[in-house]
Amino acid sequence: MHLLCFGFGYTARALAARLLERGWTVSGTTREEPAADDMLPGVRLTRFDGEEAMAGGAAVLAGVTHVLISIPPGADGDRVLRWHQGDLASAAENLRWAGYLSTTGVYGDHEGGWVDETTPLAPTSSRARARVDAEAAWARLARACGLPLHIFRLAGIYGPGRNALEAVLNGTARRIVKPGQVFGRIHVADAARVLAASMAAPAPGAIYNLCDDEPAPPQDVIAHAARLLNRDPPREVAIEKARLSAMAASFYRDNKRVGNDRIKRDLGVTLRYPTYRDGLQQILAGLTEAGGS
């Protein structure tokens, strides 16, 4: 089996590492030449920045059986479709699975209420609207050429190197409080497990939410991380006084709880880290081991 990742970022790398252990071939694209410590042994990377077609085009898809798309859309739409829609259409009959990584931001604001994959999309930000448009564009291609498309709507991704523990350690953690606000999140290892489960049981046209079992206030996550590190948590700051950037403020505009029953029911996935407490505990163990204490 051969997975091609359009965009070889955090989640794609986690999936690639999992598949490489199982004997898969993995290739991917990067915006810039990767640094040596960003390379995964055995992964062949091709430069693709979305501003022009990647070198090789259709040849890069030769022999590929699975495709993962994690490149976000730009102001002019989906960058992969812009340059390689024809190549993907030509390769569709040889593909067993294609996955598009979207975001739970497409659901918009539900004032803390629950949403699932059947909830109508109501994006509130330009970024989320671009994701809705990209999902629709990929779905049109799938209908036109038989691309075996699966859409994955991810909550906030965290894991080693990207988590509240390290934010506390490096002094960047903030406990911003907006009463009633919750966010969903997913450990990157669980995201990779869901993707692998879908690849093992393709269901073209399926949409899955990737999130854990416990949407939680962000200030609670930071406080728990501080407790695990035996440090005092940063003081709470009311959102009105937080001086957030426009992008950061946009995340607080939406408040919802995202259901994940479908990945459990249809894919048989049991999350290894069903709450942020489970995930942070695992990351702490890794930090402790790396520190030799």
C-alpha atoms as a PDB file:
ATOM      1  CA  MET A   1       0.000   0.000   0.000  1.00  0.00           C
ATOM      2  CA  HIS A   2       1.167   3.521  -0.795  1.00  0.00           C
ATOM      3  CA  LEU A   3      -0.104   6.661   0.955  1.00  0.00           C
ATOM      4  CA  LEU A   4       0.492  10.082  -0.594  1.00  0.00           C
ATOM      5  CA  CYS A   5       0.019  12.999   1.798  1.00  0.00           C
ATOM      6  CA  PHE A   6      -0.729  16.383   0.269  1.00  0.00           C
ATOM      7  CA  GLY A   7       0.732  18.325   3.178  1.00  0.00           C
ATOM      8  CA  PHE A   8       3.065  16.498   5.532  1.00  0.00           C
ATOM      9  CA  GLY A   9       2.211  18.239   8.770  1.00  0.00           C
ATOM     10  CA  TYR A  10       1.557  17.161  12.330  1.00  0.00           C
ATOM     11  CA  THR A  11      -1.322  14.747  11.737  1.00  0.00           C
ATOM     12  CA  ALA A  12       0.032  13.361   8.471  1.00  0.00           C
ATOM     13  CA  ARG A  13       3.372  12.598  10.141  1.00  0.00           C
ATOM     14  CA  ALA A  14       1.626  10.706  12.944  1.00  0.00           C
ATOM     15  CA  LEU A  15      -0.336   8.639  10.437  1.00  0.00           C
ATOM     16  CA  ALA A  16       2.768   8.035   8.331  1.00  0.00           C
ATOM     17  CA  ALA A  17       4.747   6.778  11.320  1.00  0.00           C
ATOM     18  CA  ARG A  18       1.938   4.353  12.131  1.00  0.00           C
ATOM     19  CA  LEU A  19       1.731   3.019   8.574  1.00  0.00           C
ATOM     20  CA  LEU A  20       5.485   2.750   8.077  1.00  0.00           C
ATOM     21  CA  GLU A  21       5.576   0.324  11.003  1.00  0.00           C
ATOM     22  CA  ARG A  22       3.125  -1.819   9.038  1.00  0.00           C
ATOM     23  CA  GLY A  23       5.201  -1.899   5.879  1.00  0.00           C
ATOM     24  CA  TRP A  24       3.452   0.807   3.901  1.00  0.00           C
ATOM     25  CA  THR A  25       5.115   3.121   1.409  1.00  0.00           C
ATOM     26  CA  VAL A  26       4.549   6.783   2.295  1.00  0.00           C
ATOM     27  CA  SER A  27       5.262   9.928   0.304  1.00  0.00           C
ATOM     28  CA  GLY A  28       4.214  13.512   0.860  1.00  0.00           C
ATOM     29  CA  THR A  29       4.498  17.147  -0.062  1.00  0.00           C
ATOM     30  CA  THR A  30       5.970  20.095   1.828  1.00  0.00           C
ATOM     31  CA  ARG A  31       5.848  23.837   1.221  1.00  0.00           C
ATOM     32  CA  GLU A  32       9.593  24.184   1.720  1.00  0.00           C
ATOM     33  CA  GLU A  33      12.554  21.879   1.758  1.00  0.00           C
ATOM     34  CA  PRO A  34      12.242  19.983   5.068  1.00  0.00           C
ATOM     35  CA  ALA A  35      14.918  20.238   7.729  1.00  0.00           C
ATOM     36  CA  ALA A  36      16.818  17.060   8.473  1.00  0.00           C
ATOM     37  CA  ASP A  37      15.122  16.612  11.854  1.00  0.00           C
ATOM     38  CA  ASP A  38      11.676  16.911  10.229  1.00  0.00           C
ATOM     39  CA  MET A  39      12.290  13.933   7.970  1.00  0.00           C
ATOM     40  CA  LEU A  40      10.812  10.521   8.631  1.00  0.00           C
ATOM     41  CA  PRO A  41      13.092   7.716   7.428  1.00  0.00           C
ATOM     42  CA  GLY A  42      11.638   6.104   4.333  1.00  0.00           C
ATOM     43  CA  VAL A  43       9.303   8.980   3.408  1.00  0.00           C
ATOM     44  CA  ARG A  44       9.870  10.630   0.028  1.00  0.00           C
ATOM     45  CA  LEU A  45       8.904  14.308   0.024  1.00  0.00           C
ATOM     46  CA  THR A  46       8.130  16.548  -2.947  1.00  0.00           C
ATOM     47  CA  ARG A  47       7.933  20.330  -2.776  1.00  0.00           C
ATOM     48  CA  PHE A  48       4.461  21.764  -3.351  1.00  0.00           C
ATOM     49  CA  ASP A  49       3.591  25.234  -2.072  1.00  0.00           C
ATOM     50  CA  GLY A  50       0.221  25.648  -3.765  1.00  0.00           C
ATOM     51  CA  GLU A  51       1.477  28.492  -5.908  1.00  0.00           C
ATOM     52  CA  GLU A  52       2.263  26.207  -8.815  1.00  0.00           C
ATOM     53  CA  ALA A  53       1.899  22.539  -9.698  1.00  0.00           C
ATOM     54  CA  MET A  54       4.286  20.143  -8.057  1.00  0.00           C
ATOM     55  CA  ALA A  55       6.990  18.673 -10.234  1.00  0.00           C
ATOM     56  CA  GLY A  56       5.980  15.363 -11.720  1.00  0.00           C
ATOM     57  CA  GLY A  57       2.244  15.887 -11.378  1.00  0.00           C
ATOM     58  CA  ALA A  58       0.523  12.713 -12.470  1.00  0.00           C
ATOM     59  CA  ALA A  59       3.744  10.718 -12.106  1.00  0.00           C
ATOM     60  CA  VAL A  60       3.749  11.389  -8.341  1.00  0.00           C
ATOM     61  CA  LEU A  61       0.409   9.582  -8.131  1.00  0.00           C
ATOM     62  CA  ALA A  62       1.661   6.497  -9.964  1.00  0.00           C
ATOM     63  CA  GLY A  63       1.251   3.461  -7.733  1.00  0.00           C
ATOM     64  CA  VAL A  64      -0.531   5.445  -4.996  1.00  0.00           C
ATOM     65  CA  THR A  65      -3.446   3.605  -3.379  1.00  0.00           C
ATOM     66  CA  HIS A  66      -4.429   6.110  -0.669  1.00  0.00           C
ATOM     67  CA  VAL A  67      -4.387   9.913  -0.593  1.00  0.00           C
ATOM     68  CA  LEU A  68      -4.575  12.233   2.437  1.00  0.00           C
ATOM     69  CA  ILE A  69      -5.225  15.948   1.931  1.00  0.00           C
ATOM     70  CA  SER A  70      -4.324  18.189   4.875  1.00  0.00           C
ATOM     71  CA  ILE A  71      -3.438  21.430   3.073  1.00  0.00           C
ATOM     72  CA  PRO A  72      -5.858  24.201   4.084  1.00  0.00           C
ATOM     73  CA  PRO A  73      -7.620  26.198   1.374  1.00  0.00           C
ATOM     74  CA  GLY A  74      -6.248  29.586   0.401  1.00  0.00           C
ATOM     75  CA  ALA A  75      -8.009  32.800  -0.583  1.00  0.00           C
ATOM     76  CA  ASP A  76      -8.449  31.395  -4.090  1.00  0.00           C
ATOM     77  CA  GLY A  77      -9.806  28.018  -2.953  1.00  0.00           C
ATOM     78  CA  ASP A  78      -8.348  24.572  -2.476  1.00  0.00           C
ATOM     79  CA  ARG A  79      -4.721  24.533  -3.575  1.00  0.00           C
ATOM     80  CA  VAL A  80      -4.562  20.818  -4.366  1.00  0.00           C
ATOM     81  CA  LEU A  81      -7.655  20.927  -6.563  1.00  0.00           C
ATOM     82  CA  ARG A  82      -6.428  24.078  -8.272  1.00  0.00           C
ATOM     83  CA  TRP A  83      -3.338  22.346  -9.641  1.00  0.00           C
ATOM     84  CA  HIS A  84      -4.001  18.621  -9.486  1.00  0.00           C
ATOM     85  CA  GLN A  85      -7.731  18.010  -9.880  1.00  0.00           C
ATOM     86  CA  GLY A  86      -7.172  16.423 -13.289  1.00  0.00           C
ATOM     87  CA  ASP A  87      -4.388  14.214 -11.995  1.00  0.00           C
ATOM     88  CA  LEU A  88      -6.570  12.990  -9.143  1.00  0.00           C
ATOM     89  CA  ALA A  89      -9.508  12.361 -11.460  1.00  0.00           C
ATOM     90  CA  SER A  90      -7.277  10.267 -13.713  1.00  0.00           C
ATOM     91  CA  ALA A  91      -5.926   8.307 -10.742  1.00  0.00           C
ATOM     92  CA  ALA A  92      -9.292   7.834  -9.010  1.00  0.00           C
ATOM     93  CA  GLU A  93      -9.965   4.343 -10.348  1.00  0.00           C
ATOM     94  CA  ASN A  94      -6.737   3.123  -8.753  1.00  0.00           C
ATOM     95  CA  LEU A  95      -7.348   4.765  -5.381  1.00  0.00           C
ATOM     96  CA  ARG A  96      -8.858   2.755  -2.537  1.00  0.00           C
ATOM     97  CA  TRP A  97      -9.263   5.692  -0.154  1.00  0.00           C
ATOM     98  CA  ALA A  98      -8.977   9.468  -0.081  1.00  0.00           C
ATOM     99  CA  GLY A  99      -9.232  11.520   3.096  1.00  0.00           C
ATOM    100  CA  TYR A 100      -9.755  15.266   3.407  1.00  0.00           C
ATOM    101  CA  LEU A 101      -8.899  16.856   6.763  1.00  0.00           C
ATOM    102  CA  SER A 102     -11.362  19.626   7.582  1.00  0.00           C
ATOM    103  CA  THR A 103     -12.331  21.256  10.872  1.00  0.00           C
ATOM    104  CA  THR A 104     -15.211  21.221  13.354  1.00  0.00           C
ATOM    105  CA  GLY A 105     -15.269  24.985  12.785  1.00  0.00           C
ATOM    106  CA  VAL A 106     -17.614  24.326   9.851  1.00  0.00           C
ATOM    107  CA  TYR A 107     -20.486  23.823  12.330  1.00  0.00           C
ATOM    108  CA  GLY A 108     -20.276  27.392  13.627  1.00  0.00           C
ATOM    109  CA  ASP A 109     -21.670  28.516  16.973  1.00  0.00           C
ATOM    110  CA  HIS A 110     -24.243  26.451  18.890  1.00  0.00           C
ATOM    111  CA  GLU A 111     -24.037  28.236  22.248  1.00  0.00           C
ATOM    112  CA  GLY A 112     -22.503  25.187  23.895  1.00  0.00           C
ATOM    113  CA  GLY A 113     -24.961  22.716  22.382  1.00  0.00           C
ATOM    114  CA  TRP A 114     -24.084  19.379  20.825  1.00  0.00           C
ATOM    115  CA  VAL A 115     -23.478  18.853  17.121  1.00  0.00           C
ATOM    116  CA  ASP A 116     -22.765  15.756  15.049  1.00  0.00           C
ATOM    117  CA  GLU A 117     -22.024  14.945  11.418  1.00  0.00           C
ATOM    118  CA  THR A 118     -25.659  15.546  10.417  1.00  0.00           C
ATOM    119  CA  THR A 119     -25.754  19.100  11.829  1.00  0.00           C
ATOM    120  CA  PRO A 120     -26.176  21.743   9.095  1.00  0.00           C
ATOM    121  CA  LEU A 121     -23.017  23.718   8.442  1.00  0.00           C
ATOM    122  CA  ALA A 122     -23.092  27.333   9.608  1.00  0.00           C
ATOM    123  CA  PRO A 123     -19.528  28.722   9.609  1.00  0.00           C
ATOM    124  CA  THR A 124     -18.968  32.066  11.311  1.00  0.00           C
ATOM    125  CA  SER A 125     -15.438  32.895  10.119  1.00  0.00           C
ATOM    126  CA  SER A 126     -13.876  33.307   6.705  1.00  0.00           C
ATOM    127  CA  ARG A 127     -11.530  30.398   7.423  1.00  0.00           C
ATOM    128  CA  ALA A 128     -14.410  28.093   8.275  1.00  0.00           C
ATOM    129  CA  ARG A 129     -16.387  29.235   5.222  1.00  0.00           C
ATOM    130  CA  ALA A 130     -13.367  28.405   3.075  1.00  0.00           C
ATOM    131  CA  ARG A 131     -13.369  24.922   4.607  1.00  0.00           C
ATOM    132  CA  VAL A 132     -17.050  24.452   3.775  1.00  0.00           C
ATOM    133  CA  ASP A 133     -16.339  25.481   0.186  1.00  0.00           C
ATOM    134  CA  ALA A 134     -13.361  23.114   0.025  1.00  0.00           C
ATOM    135  CA  GLU A 135     -15.401  20.201   1.369  1.00  0.00           C
ATOM    136  CA  ALA A 136     -18.016  20.878  -1.299  1.00  0.00           C
ATOM    137  CA  ALA A 137     -15.385  21.080  -4.045  1.00  0.00           C
ATOM    138  CA  TRP A 138     -13.863  17.746  -3.032  1.00  0.00           C
ATOM    139  CA  ALA A 139     -17.335  16.184  -2.882  1.00  0.00           C
ATOM    140  CA  ARG A 140     -18.063  17.405  -6.431  1.00  0.00           C
ATOM    141  CA  LEU A 141     -14.850  15.810  -7.684  1.00  0.00           C
ATOM    142  CA  ALA A 142     -15.737  12.574  -5.905  1.00  0.00           C
ATOM    143  CA  ARG A 143     -19.144  12.467  -7.574  1.00  0.00           C
ATOM    144  CA  ALA A 144     -17.660  13.278 -10.974  1.00  0.00           C
ATOM    145  CA  CYS A 145     -14.903  10.680 -11.079  1.00  0.00           C
ATOM    146  CA  GLY A 146     -15.577   8.172  -8.317  1.00  0.00           C
ATOM    147  CA  LEU A 147     -12.879   9.406  -5.959  1.00  0.00           C
ATOM    148  CA  PRO A 148     -13.371   7.376  -2.724  1.00  0.00           C
ATOM    149  CA  LEU A 149     -13.599  10.490  -0.549  1.00  0.00           C
ATOM    150  CA  HIS A 150     -13.892  10.583   3.241  1.00  0.00           C
ATOM    151  CA  ILE A 151     -14.134  13.881   5.148  1.00  0.00           C
ATOM    152  CA  PHE A 152     -12.711  14.235   8.645  1.00  0.00           C
ATOM    153  CA  ARG A 153     -13.652  17.251  10.765  1.00  0.00           C
ATOM    154  CA  LEU A 154     -10.978  17.675  13.412  1.00  0.00           C
ATOM    155  CA  ALA A 155     -11.203  19.471  16.724  1.00  0.00           C
ATOM    156  CA  GLY A 156      -8.084  21.106  18.212  1.00  0.00           C
ATOM    157  CA  ILE A 157      -5.145  18.767  17.713  1.00  0.00           C
ATOM    158  CA  TYR A 158      -2.599  18.309  20.485  1.00  0.00           C
ATOM    159  CA  GLY A 159       0.144  15.856  21.346  1.00  0.00           C
ATOM    160  CA  PRO A 160       3.905  15.722  21.837  1.00  0.00           C
ATOM    161  CA  GLY A 161       5.435  19.081  20.980  1.00  0.00           C
ATOM    162  CA  ARG A 162       2.044  20.798  20.839  1.00  0.00           C
ATOM    163  CA  ASN A 163       0.240  20.833  24.179  1.00  0.00           C
ATOM    164  CA  ALA A 164      -0.687  22.730  27.335  1.00  0.00           C
ATOM    165  CA  LEU A 165       2.182  21.236  29.340  1.00  0.00           C
ATOM    166  CA  GLU A 166       4.769  22.786  27.072  1.00  0.00           C
ATOM    167  CA  ALA A 167       2.859  26.062  27.040  1.00  0.00           C
ATOM    168  CA  VAL A 168       3.104  26.143  30.836  1.00  0.00           C
ATOM    169  CA  LEU A 169       6.780  25.225  30.738  1.00  0.00           C
ATOM    170  CA  ASN A 170       7.715  27.892  28.208  1.00  0.00           C
ATOM    171  CA  GLY A 171       5.591  30.598  29.782  1.00  0.00           C
ATOM    172  CA  THR A 172       3.129  31.099  26.940  1.00  0.00           C
ATOM    173  CA  ALA A 173       0.099  29.538  28.658  1.00  0.00           C
ATOM    174  CA  ARG A 174      -2.884  31.824  29.322  1.00  0.00           C
ATOM    175  CA  ARG A 175      -6.072  31.078  31.259  1.00  0.00           C
ATOM    176  CA  ILE A 176      -8.581  33.075  29.260  1.00  0.00           C
ATOM    177  CA  VAL A 177     -12.092  32.799  30.658  1.00  0.00           C
ATOM    178  CA  LYS A 178     -15.310  33.175  28.725  1.00  0.00           C
ATOM    179  CA  PRO A 179     -18.177  31.841  30.870  1.00  0.00           C
ATOM    180  CA  GLY A 180     -19.694  28.699  29.398  1.00  0.00           C
ATOM    181  CA  GLN A 181     -17.066  28.371  26.664  1.00  0.00           C
ATOM    182  CA  VAL A 182     -15.810  24.892  25.769  1.00  0.00           C
ATOM    183  CA  PHE A 183     -13.542  23.545  23.069  1.00  0.00           C
ATOM    184  CA  GLY A 184     -13.132  20.070  21.630  1.00  0.00           C
ATOM    185  CA  ARG A 185      -9.716  18.512  21.133  1.00  0.00           C
ATOM    186  CA  ILE A 186      -8.147  15.304  19.840  1.00  0.00           C
ATOM    187  CA  HIS A 187      -4.786  13.721  20.611  1.00  0.00           C
ATOM    188  CA  VAL A 188      -2.789  13.355  17.396  1.00  0.00           C
ATOM    189  CA  ALA A 189      -2.255   9.641  18.052  1.00  0.00           C
ATOM    190  CA  ASP A 190      -6.024   9.119  18.232  1.00  0.00           C
ATOM    191  CA  ALA A 191      -6.486  11.146  15.045  1.00  0.00           C
ATOM    192  CA  ALA A 192      -4.015   8.826  13.306  1.00  0.00           C
ATOM    193  CA  ARG A 193      -5.819   5.771  14.694  1.00  0.00           C
ATOM    194  CA  VAL A 194      -9.157   6.980  13.299  1.00  0.00           C
ATOM    195  CA  LEU A 195      -7.651   7.649   9.882  1.00  0.00           C
ATOM    196  CA  ALA A 196      -6.027   4.213   9.829  1.00  0.00           C
ATOM    197  CA  ALA A 197      -9.328   2.592  10.851  1.00  0.00           C
ATOM    198  CA  SER A 198     -11.106   4.349   7.997  1.00  0.00           C
ATOM    199  CA  MET A 199      -8.426   3.218   5.547  1.00  0.00           C
ATOM    200  CA  ALA A 200      -8.972  -0.351   6.709  1.00  0.00           C
ATOM    201  CA  ALA A 201     -12.739  -0.076   6.198  1.00  0.00           C
ATOM    202  CA  PRO A 202     -13.406   2.478   3.431  1.00  0.00           C
ATOM    203  CA  ALA A 203     -16.882   3.987   3.211  1.00  0.00           C
ATOM    204  CA  PRO A 204     -16.732   6.571   0.399  1.00  0.00           C
ATOM    205  CA  GLY A 205     -18.900   9.585   1.152  1.00  0.00           C
ATOM    206  CA  ALA A 206     -18.547   9.186   4.917  1.00  0.00           C
ATOM    207  CA  ILE A 207     -17.960  12.163   7.202  1.00  0.00           C
ATOM    208  CA  TYR A 208     -16.415  11.750  10.647  1.00  0.00           C
ATOM    209  CA  ASN A 209     -15.862  14.082  13.588  1.00  0.00           C
ATOM    210  CA  LEU A 210     -12.456  13.598  15.194  1.00  0.00           C
ATOM    211  CA  CYS A 211     -12.627  14.736  18.798  1.00  0.00           C
ATOM    212  CA  ASP A 212     -12.398  13.251  22.255  1.00  0.00           C
ATOM    213  CA  ASP A 213     -15.208  12.551  24.710  1.00  0.00           C
ATOM    214  CA  GLU A 214     -14.978  15.674  26.846  1.00  0.00           C
ATOM    215  CA  PRO A 215     -15.314  19.192  25.460  1.00  0.00           C
ATOM    216  CA  ALA A 216     -13.796  21.377  28.162  1.00  0.00           C
ATOM    217  CA  PRO A 217     -13.149  25.009  29.110  1.00  0.00           C
ATOM    218  CA  PRO A 218      -9.660  25.951  27.898  1.00  0.00           C
ATOM    219  CA  GLN A 219      -8.696  27.451  31.274  1.00  0.00           C
ATOM    220  CA  ASP A 220      -9.353  24.067  32.914  1.00  0.00           C
ATOM    221  CA  VAL A 221      -6.893  22.370  30.569  1.00  0.00           C
ATOM    222  CA  ILE A 222      -4.162  24.893  31.415  1.00  0.00           C
ATOM    223  CA  ALA A 223      -4.847  24.571  35.143  1.00  0.00           C
ATOM    224  CA  HIS A 224      -4.625  20.781  34.948  1.00  0.00           C
ATOM    225  CA  ALA A 225      -1.354  20.987  33.021  1.00  0.00           C
ATOM    226  CA  ALA A 226       0.074  23.268  35.707  1.00  0.00           C
ATOM    227  CA  ARG A 227      -0.975  20.847  38.448  1.00  0.00           C
ATOM    228  CA  LEU A 228       0.712  17.953  36.646  1.00  0.00           C
ATOM    229  CA  LEU A 229       3.912  20.001  36.560  1.00  0.00           C
ATOM    230  CA  ASN A 230       3.555  21.101  40.205  1.00  0.00           C
ATOM    231  CA  ARG A 231       3.435  24.723  39.114  1.00  0.00           C
ATOM    232  CA  ASP A 232       1.070  27.532  39.907  1.00  0.00           C
ATOM    233  CA  PRO A 233      -1.340  28.079  37.024  1.00  0.00           C
ATOM    234  CA  PRO A 234      -1.316  31.461  35.301  1.00  0.00           C
ATOM    235  CA  ARG A 235      -3.957  33.839  36.602  1.00  0.00           C
ATOM    236  CA  GLU A 236      -7.344  33.867  34.951  1.00  0.00           C
ATOM    237  CA  VAL A 237      -8.001  36.665  32.475  1.00  0.00           C
ATOM    238  CA  ALA A 238     -11.501  37.634  31.389  1.00  0.00           C
ATOM    239  CA  ILE A 239     -11.830  37.437  27.639  1.00  0.00           C
ATOM    240  CA  GLU A 240     -12.786  41.112  27.497  1.00  0.00           C
ATOM    241  CA  LYS A 241      -9.350  41.983  28.889  1.00  0.00           C
ATOM    242  CA  ALA A 242      -7.315  39.349  27.058  1.00  0.00           C
ATOM    243  CA  ARG A 243      -6.337  41.482  24.035  1.00  0.00           C
ATOM    244  CA  LEU A 244      -6.630  38.565  21.666  1.00  0.00           C
ATOM    245  CA  SER A 245      -5.558  38.703  18.052  1.00  0.00           C
ATOM    246  CA  ALA A 246      -8.347  38.649  15.489  1.00  0.00           C
ATOM    247  CA  MET A 247      -7.612  35.005  14.736  1.00  0.00           C
ATOM    248  CA  ALA A 248      -7.558  33.965  18.397  1.00  0.00           C
ATOM    249  CA  ALA A 249     -10.768  35.875  19.092  1.00  0.00           C
ATOM    250  CA  SER A 250     -12.472  34.077  16.205  1.00  0.00           C
ATOM    251  CA  PHE A 251     -12.005  30.733  17.965  1.00  0.00           C
ATOM    252  CA  TYR A 252     -13.939  32.020  20.975  1.00  0.00           C
ATOM    253  CA  ARG A 253     -16.792  33.135  18.737  1.00  0.00           C
ATOM    254  CA  ASP A 254     -17.941  29.530  18.354  1.00  0.00           C
ATOM    255  CA  ASN A 255     -19.073  27.467  21.318  1.00  0.00           C
ATOM    256  CA  LYS A 256     -20.189  23.885  20.758  1.00  0.00           C
ATOM    257  CA  ARG A 257     -19.824  20.332  21.931  1.00  0.00           C
ATOM    258  CA  VAL A 258     -18.919  17.953  19.110  1.00  0.00           C
ATOM    259  CA  GLY A 259     -20.141  14.362  19.218  1.00  0.00           C
ATOM    260  CA  ASN A 260     -17.868  11.496  18.167  1.00  0.00           C
ATOM    261  CA  ASP A 261     -20.260   8.526  18.224  1.00  0.00           C
ATOM    262  CA  ARG A 262     -19.767   7.788  14.530  1.00  0.00           C
ATOM    263  CA  ILE A 263     -16.062   6.911  14.772  1.00  0.00           C
ATOM    264  CA  LYS A 264     -16.903   4.489  17.565  1.00  0.00           C
ATOM    265  CA  ARG A 265     -19.973   2.967  15.955  1.00  0.00           C
ATOM    266  CA  ASP A 266     -18.903   2.793  12.300  1.00  0.00           C
ATOM    267  CA  LEU A 267     -15.134   2.369  12.643  1.00  0.00           C
ATOM    268  CA  GLY A 268     -14.966   0.522  15.953  1.00  0.00           C
ATOM    269  CA  VAL A 269     -12.495   3.027  17.366  1.00  0.00           C
ATOM    270  CA  THR A 270     -11.842   3.162  21.090  1.00  0.00           C
ATOM    271  CA  LEU A 271      -9.983   6.352  21.911  1.00  0.00           C
ATOM    272  CA  ARG A 272      -6.729   5.870  23.741  1.00  0.00           C
ATOM    273  CA  TYR A 273      -7.004   9.391  25.162  1.00  0.00           C
ATOM    274  CA  PRO A 274     -10.743  10.032  25.671  1.00  0.00           C
ATOM    275  CA  THR A 275     -10.142  13.188  27.761  1.00  0.00           C
ATOM    276  CA  TYR A 276      -7.501  15.887  27.893  1.00  0.00           C
ATOM    277  CA  ARG A 277      -6.410  14.487  31.272  1.00  0.00           C
ATOM    278  CA  ASP A 278      -5.530  11.143  29.694  1.00  0.00           C
ATOM    279  CA  GLY A 279      -3.647  12.830  26.875  1.00  0.00           C
ATOM    280  CA  LEU A 280      -1.682  15.204  29.085  1.00  0.00           C
ATOM    281  CA  GLN A 281      -0.716  12.371  31.408  1.00  0.00           C
ATOM    282  CA  GLN A 282       0.763  10.454  28.484  1.00  0.00           C
ATOM    283  CA  ILE A 283       2.647  13.513  27.255  1.00  0.00           C
ATOM    284  CA  LEU A 284       3.969  14.192  30.765  1.00  0.00           C
ATOM    285  CA  ALA A 285       5.326  10.644  30.928  1.00  0.00           C
ATOM    286  CA  GLY A 286       7.184  11.298  27.686  1.00  0.00           C
ATOM    287  CA  LEU A 287       8.591  14.590  28.945  1.00  0.00           C
ATOM    288  CA  THR A 288       9.713  12.937  32.193  1.00  0.00           C
ATOM    289  CA  GLU A 289      11.366  10.094  30.322  1.00  0.00           C
ATOM    290  CA  ALA A 290      13.131  12.508  27.956  1.00  0.00           C
ATOM    291  CA  GLY A 291      14.341  14.515  30.932  1.00  0.00           C
ATOM    292  CA  GLY A 292      15.760  11.456  32.595  1.00  0.00           C
ATOM    293  CA  SER A 293      13.826  11.917  35.791  1.00  0.00           C
END
